[in-house]
Amino acid sequence: MSAEDRKTEPPFGLDMDFGEALERFIGTRPNEVEESVERAKQKKPPDVKAAPKPGAKRPRKPGN
């Protein structure tokens, strides 16, 4: 199996040094994480309309 055949995401990367990441991890309280997860489950996704594809024709209005 070559690297092209795999369907995995690229490795996760942080834009901070290891020490800062470790400090943030240590400073996180478990109940804050649980609350954040519950809030994220309750949020509704934004109502985003799909953008038309380039070159797509607009539907005709009735009566035209």
PDB file of N, CA and C in Angstrom:
ATOM      1  N   MET A   1       0.858  -1.186   0.000  1.00  0.00           N
ATOM      2  CA  MET A   1       0.000   0.000   0.000  1.00  0.00           C
ATOM      3  C   MET A   1       0.896   1.238   0.000  1.00  0.00           C
ATOM      4  N   SER A   2       0.697   2.080  -0.967  1.00  0.00           N
ATOM      5  CA  SER A   2       1.516   3.282  -1.060  1.00  0.00           C
ATOM      6  C   SER A   2       0.867   4.420  -0.277  1.00  0.00           C
ATOM      7  N   ALA A   3       1.601   5.493  -0.116  1.00  0.00           N
ATOM      8  CA  ALA A   3       1.089   6.653   0.615  1.00  0.00           C
ATOM      9  C   ALA A   3      -0.112   7.270  -0.091  1.00  0.00           C
ATOM     10  N   GLU A   4      -0.184   7.112  -1.407  1.00  0.00           N
ATOM     11  CA  GLU A   4      -1.297   7.661  -2.172  1.00  0.00           C
ATOM     12  C   GLU A   4      -2.585   6.875  -1.945  1.00  0.00           C
ATOM     13  N   ASP A   5      -2.468   5.595  -1.617  1.00  0.00           N
ATOM     14  CA  ASP A   5      -3.635   4.747  -1.408  1.00  0.00           C
ATOM     15  C   ASP A   5      -4.307   5.004  -0.062  1.00  0.00           C
ATOM     16  N   ARG A   6      -3.561   5.481   0.903  1.00  0.00           N
ATOM     17  CA  ARG A   6      -4.134   5.724   2.228  1.00  0.00           C
ATOM     18  C   ARG A   6      -5.087   6.896   2.191  1.00  0.00           C
ATOM     19  N   LYS A   7      -6.165   6.779   2.962  1.00  0.00           N
ATOM     20  CA  LYS A   7      -7.150   7.851   3.018  1.00  0.00           C
ATOM     21  C   LYS A   7      -7.212   8.380   4.444  1.00  0.00           C
ATOM     22  N   THR A   8      -6.083   8.817   4.944  1.00  0.00           N
ATOM     23  CA  THR A   8      -6.023   9.375   6.290  1.00  0.00           C
ATOM     24  C   THR A   8      -5.717  10.856   6.204  1.00  0.00           C
ATOM     25  N   GLU A   9      -6.022  11.540   7.273  1.00  0.00           N
ATOM     26  CA  GLU A   9      -5.742  12.974   7.327  1.00  0.00           C
ATOM     27  C   GLU A   9      -4.255  13.188   7.594  1.00  0.00           C
ATOM     28  N   PRO A  10      -3.737  14.342   7.206  1.00  0.00           N
ATOM     29  CA  PRO A  10      -2.334  14.628   7.491  1.00  0.00           C
ATOM     30  C   PRO A  10      -2.124  14.755   8.995  1.00  0.00           C
ATOM     31  N   PRO A  11      -0.896  14.618   9.473  1.00  0.00           N
ATOM     32  CA  PRO A  11      -0.626  14.726  10.909  1.00  0.00           C
ATOM     33  C   PRO A  11      -1.110  16.064  11.462  1.00  0.00           C
ATOM     34  N   PHE A  12      -1.591  16.028  12.689  1.00  0.00           N
ATOM     35  CA  PHE A  12      -2.074  17.231  13.355  1.00  0.00           C
ATOM     36  C   PHE A  12      -0.889  18.095  13.742  1.00  0.00           C
ATOM     37  N   GLY A  13      -1.001  19.393  13.534  1.00  0.00           N
ATOM     38  CA  GLY A  13       0.076  20.307  13.886  1.00  0.00           C
ATOM     39  C   GLY A  13      -0.446  21.493  14.668  1.00  0.00           C
ATOM     40  N   LEU A  14       0.347  21.984  15.588  1.00  0.00           N
ATOM     41  CA  LEU A  14      -0.009  23.171  16.366  1.00  0.00           C
ATOM     42  C   LEU A  14       0.944  24.295  16.020  1.00  0.00           C
ATOM     43  N   ASP A  15       0.414  25.505  16.048  1.00  0.00           N
ATOM     44  CA  ASP A  15       1.242  26.666  15.763  1.00  0.00           C
ATOM     45  C   ASP A  15       1.733  27.261  17.084  1.00  0.00           C
ATOM     46  N   MET A  16       2.298  26.397  17.954  1.00  0.00           N
ATOM     47  CA  MET A  16       2.869  26.855  19.218  1.00  0.00           C
ATOM     48  C   MET A  16       3.920  25.837  19.636  1.00  0.00           C
ATOM     49  N   ASP A  17       4.818  26.276  20.478  1.00  0.00           N
ATOM     50  CA  ASP A  17       5.860  25.356  20.893  1.00  0.00           C
ATOM     51  C   ASP A  17       5.311  24.358  21.921  1.00  0.00           C
ATOM     52  N   PHE A  18       6.059  23.292  22.153  1.00  0.00           N
ATOM     53  CA  PHE A  18       5.603  22.215  23.020  1.00  0.00           C
ATOM     54  C   PHE A  18       5.324  22.705  24.442  1.00  0.00           C
ATOM     55  N   GLY A  19       6.159  23.587  24.968  1.00  0.00           N
ATOM     56  CA  GLY A  19       5.977  24.090  26.331  1.00  0.00           C
ATOM     57  C   GLY A  19       4.651  24.815  26.509  1.00  0.00           C
ATOM     58  N   GLU A  20       4.305  25.669  25.549  1.00  0.00           N
ATOM     59  CA  GLU A  20       3.041  26.396  25.632  1.00  0.00           C
ATOM     60  C   GLU A  20       1.853  25.441  25.527  1.00  0.00           C
ATOM     61  N   ALA A  21       1.949  24.476  24.626  1.00  0.00           N
ATOM     62  CA  ALA A  21       0.871  23.502  24.481  1.00  0.00           C
ATOM     63  C   ALA A  21       0.692  22.696  25.765  1.00  0.00           C
ATOM     64  N   LEU A  22       1.798  22.311  26.385  1.00  0.00           N
ATOM     65  CA  LEU A  22       1.734  21.545  27.631  1.00  0.00           C
ATOM     66  C   LEU A  22       1.114  22.380  28.752  1.00  0.00           C
ATOM     67  N   GLU A  23       1.478  23.649  28.852  1.00  0.00           N
ATOM     68  CA  GLU A  23       0.900  24.531  29.878  1.00  0.00           C
ATOM     69  C   GLU A  23      -0.616  24.655  29.691  1.00  0.00           C
ATOM     70  N   ARG A  24      -1.057  24.820  28.467  1.00  0.00           N
ATOM     71  CA  ARG A  24      -2.498  24.929  28.210  1.00  0.00           C
ATOM     72  C   ARG A  24      -3.214  23.633  28.541  1.00  0.00           C
ATOM     73  N   PHE A  25      -2.603  22.511  28.203  1.00  0.00           N
ATOM     74  CA  PHE A  25      -3.198  21.219  28.503  1.00  0.00           C
ATOM     75  C   PHE A  25      -3.313  21.009  30.009  1.00  0.00           C
ATOM     76  N   ILE A  26      -2.280  21.332  30.736  1.00  0.00           N
ATOM     77  CA  ILE A  26      -2.283  21.158  32.191  1.00  0.00           C
ATOM     78  C   ILE A  26      -3.304  22.094  32.840  1.00  0.00           C
ATOM     79  N   GLY A  27      -3.471  23.299  32.304  1.00  0.00           N
ATOM     80  CA  GLY A  27      -4.369  24.284  32.891  1.00  0.00           C
ATOM     81  C   GLY A  27      -5.841  24.073  32.581  1.00  0.00           C
ATOM     82  N   THR A  28      -6.156  23.081  31.772  1.00  0.00           N
ATOM     83  CA  THR A  28      -7.549  22.834  31.400  1.00  0.00           C
ATOM     84  C   THR A  28      -8.223  21.986  32.461  1.00  0.00           C
ATOM     85  N   ARG A  29      -9.393  22.440  32.896  1.00  0.00           N
ATOM     86  CA  ARG A  29     -10.166  21.667  33.875  1.00  0.00           C
ATOM     87  C   ARG A  29     -11.102  20.720  33.125  1.00  0.00           C
ATOM     88  N   PRO A  30     -11.213  19.472  33.569  1.00  0.00           N
ATOM     89  CA  PRO A  30     -12.071  18.497  32.871  1.00  0.00           C
ATOM     90  C   PRO A  30     -13.520  18.953  32.729  1.00  0.00           C
ATOM     91  N   ASN A  31     -14.072  19.623  33.752  1.00  0.00           N
ATOM     92  CA  ASN A  31     -15.473  20.048  33.653  1.00  0.00           C
ATOM     93  C   ASN A  31     -15.655  21.124  32.587  1.00  0.00           C
ATOM     94  N   GLU A  32     -14.637  21.952  32.331  1.00  0.00           N
ATOM     95  CA  GLU A  32     -14.729  22.944  31.267  1.00  0.00           C
ATOM     96  C   GLU A  32     -14.820  22.259  29.904  1.00  0.00           C
ATOM     97  N   VAL A  33     -14.063  21.191  29.739  1.00  0.00           N
ATOM     98  CA  VAL A  33     -14.073  20.458  28.480  1.00  0.00           C
ATOM     99  C   VAL A  33     -15.450  19.827  28.265  1.00  0.00           C
ATOM    100  N   GLU A  34     -15.995  19.201  29.311  1.00  0.00           N
ATOM    101  CA  GLU A  34     -17.313  18.574  29.192  1.00  0.00           C
ATOM    102  C   GLU A  34     -18.382  19.610  28.837  1.00  0.00           C
ATOM    103  N   GLU A  35     -18.332  20.784  29.481  1.00  0.00           N
ATOM    104  CA  GLU A  35     -19.300  21.845  29.193  1.00  0.00           C
ATOM    105  C   GLU A  35     -19.169  22.323  27.750  1.00  0.00           C
ATOM    106  N   SER A  36     -17.946  22.456  27.296  1.00  0.00           N
ATOM    107  CA  SER A  36     -17.711  22.919  25.929  1.00  0.00           C
ATOM    108  C   SER A  36     -18.250  21.913  24.913  1.00  0.00           C
ATOM    109  N   VAL A  37     -18.065  20.637  25.187  1.00  0.00           N
ATOM    110  CA  VAL A  37     -18.555  19.597  24.292  1.00  0.00           C
ATOM    111  C   VAL A  37     -20.074  19.629  24.259  1.00  0.00           C
ATOM    112  N   GLU A  38     -20.708  19.776  25.408  1.00  0.00           N
ATOM    113  CA  GLU A  38     -22.175  19.832  25.463  1.00  0.00           C
ATOM    114  C   GLU A  38     -22.709  21.054  24.702  1.00  0.00           C
ATOM    115  N   ARG A  39     -22.044  22.201  24.848  1.00  0.00           N
ATOM    116  CA  ARG A  39     -22.464  23.398  24.117  1.00  0.00           C
ATOM    117  C   ARG A  39     -22.327  23.188  22.624  1.00  0.00           C
ATOM    118  N   ALA A  40     -21.252  22.550  22.208  1.00  0.00           N
ATOM    119  CA  ALA A  40     -21.026  22.314  20.782  1.00  0.00           C
ATOM    120  C   ALA A  40     -22.088  21.380  20.210  1.00  0.00           C
ATOM    121  N   LYS A  41     -22.551  20.426  20.995  1.00  0.00           N
ATOM    122  CA  LYS A  41     -23.592  19.512  20.532  1.00  0.00           C
ATOM    123  C   LYS A  41     -24.919  20.239  20.365  1.00  0.00           C
ATOM    124  N   GLN A  42     -25.168  21.269  21.178  1.00  0.00           N
ATOM    125  CA  GLN A  42     -26.436  21.978  21.154  1.00  0.00           C
ATOM    126  C   GLN A  42     -26.502  23.043  20.067  1.00  0.00           C
ATOM    127  N   LYS A  43     -25.354  23.542  19.626  1.00  0.00           N
ATOM    128  CA  LYS A  43     -25.338  24.598  18.614  1.00  0.00           C
ATOM    129  C   LYS A  43     -25.833  24.055  17.288  1.00  0.00           C
ATOM    130  N   LYS A  44     -26.632  24.863  16.616  1.00  0.00           N
ATOM    131  CA  LYS A  44     -27.103  24.493  15.293  1.00  0.00           C
ATOM    132  C   LYS A  44     -26.103  25.011  14.269  1.00  0.00           C
ATOM    133  N   PRO A  45     -25.869  24.260  13.216  1.00  0.00           N
ATOM    134  CA  PRO A  45     -24.946  24.751  12.189  1.00  0.00           C
ATOM    135  C   PRO A  45     -25.522  25.985  11.510  1.00  0.00           C
ATOM    136  N   PRO A  46     -24.668  26.886  11.044  1.00  0.00           N
ATOM    137  CA  PRO A  46     -25.160  28.091  10.378  1.00  0.00           C
ATOM    138  C   PRO A  46     -25.936  27.726   9.121  1.00  0.00           C
ATOM    139  N   ASP A  47     -26.942  28.539   8.829  1.00  0.00           N
ATOM    140  CA  ASP A  47     -27.768  28.309   7.650  1.00  0.00           C
ATOM    141  C   ASP A  47     -27.066  28.915   6.444  1.00  0.00           C
ATOM    142  N   VAL A  48     -26.221  28.129   5.836  1.00  0.00           N
ATOM    143  CA  VAL A  48     -25.430  28.593   4.703  1.00  0.00           C
ATOM    144  C   VAL A  48     -26.035  28.018   3.432  1.00  0.00           C
ATOM    145  N   LYS A  49     -26.377  28.899   2.505  1.00  0.00           N
ATOM    146  CA  LYS A  49     -26.904  28.440   1.228  1.00  0.00           C
ATOM    147  C   LYS A  49     -25.739  28.051   0.335  1.00  0.00           C
ATOM    148  N   ALA A  50     -25.924  26.990  -0.396  1.00  0.00           N
ATOM    149  CA  ALA A  50     -24.866  26.516  -1.281  1.00  0.00           C
ATOM    150  C   ALA A  50     -24.638  27.534  -2.390  1.00  0.00           C
ATOM    151  N   ALA A  51     -23.399  27.835  -2.636  1.00  0.00           N
ATOM    152  CA  ALA A  51     -23.050  28.770  -3.701  1.00  0.00           C
ATOM    153  C   ALA A  51     -23.240  28.070  -5.041  1.00  0.00           C
ATOM    154  N   PRO A  52     -23.753  28.789  -6.041  1.00  0.00           N
ATOM    155  CA  PRO A  52     -23.936  28.148  -7.345  1.00  0.00           C
ATOM    156  C   PRO A  52     -22.587  27.789  -7.958  1.00  0.00           C
ATOM    157  N   LYS A  53     -22.585  26.719  -8.700  1.00  0.00           N
ATOM    158  CA  LYS A  53     -21.361  26.285  -9.357  1.00  0.00           C
ATOM    159  C   LYS A  53     -21.030  27.256 -10.483  1.00  0.00           C
ATOM    160  N   PRO A  54     -19.766  27.487 -10.759  1.00  0.00           N
ATOM    161  CA  PRO A  54     -19.405  28.379 -11.868  1.00  0.00           C
ATOM    162  C   PRO A  54     -19.979  27.852 -13.172  1.00  0.00           C
ATOM    163  N   GLY A  55     -20.594  28.728 -13.924  1.00  0.00           N
ATOM    164  CA  GLY A  55     -21.172  28.357 -15.199  1.00  0.00           C
ATOM    165  C   GLY A  55     -22.573  27.792 -15.097  1.00  0.00           C
ATOM    166  N   ALA A  56     -23.093  27.669 -13.886  1.00  0.00           N
ATOM    167  CA  ALA A  56     -24.452  27.139 -13.722  1.00  0.00           C
ATOM    168  C   ALA A  56     -25.458  28.205 -14.127  1.00  0.00           C
ATOM    169  N   LYS A  57     -26.519  27.755 -14.762  1.00  0.00           N
ATOM    170  CA  LYS A  57     -27.553  28.685 -15.194  1.00  0.00           C
ATOM    171  C   LYS A  57     -28.551  28.899 -14.078  1.00  0.00           C
ATOM    172  N   ARG A  58     -29.072  30.113 -13.989  1.00  0.00           N
ATOM    173  CA  ARG A  58     -30.095  30.416 -13.000  1.00  0.00           C
ATOM    174  C   ARG A  58     -31.428  29.844 -13.467  1.00  0.00           C
ATOM    175  N   PRO A  59     -32.232  29.361 -12.539  1.00  0.00           N
ATOM    176  CA  PRO A  59     -33.556  28.876 -12.958  1.00  0.00           C
ATOM    177  C   PRO A  59     -34.427  30.045 -13.421  1.00  0.00           C
ATOM    178  N   ARG A  60     -35.256  29.767 -14.404  1.00  0.00           N
ATOM    179  CA  ARG A  60     -36.124  30.827 -14.943  1.00  0.00           C
ATOM    180  C   ARG A  60     -37.266  31.089 -13.982  1.00  0.00           C
ATOM    181  N   LYS A  61     -37.666  32.369 -13.926  1.00  0.00           N
ATOM    182  CA  LYS A  61     -38.821  32.745 -13.121  1.00  0.00           C
ATOM    183  C   LYS A  61     -40.084  32.421 -13.906  1.00  0.00           C
ATOM    184  N   PRO A  62     -41.143  31.997 -13.224  1.00  0.00           N
ATOM    185  CA  PRO A  62     -42.392  31.716 -13.940  1.00  0.00           C
ATOM    186  C   PRO A  62     -42.918  32.980 -14.626  1.00  0.00           C
ATOM    187  N   GLY A  63     -43.430  32.835 -15.815  1.00  0.00           N
ATOM    188  CA  GLY A  63     -43.991  33.957 -16.542  1.00  0.00           C
ATOM    189  C   GLY A  63     -42.999  34.658 -17.435  1.00  0.00           C
ATOM    190  N   ASN A  64     -41.763  34.230 -17.517  1.00  0.00           N
ATOM    191  CA  ASN A  64     -40.773  34.865 -18.398  1.00  0.00           C
ATOM    192  C   ASN A  64     -40.524  34.047 -19.611  1.00  0.00           C
TER     193      ASN A  64
END
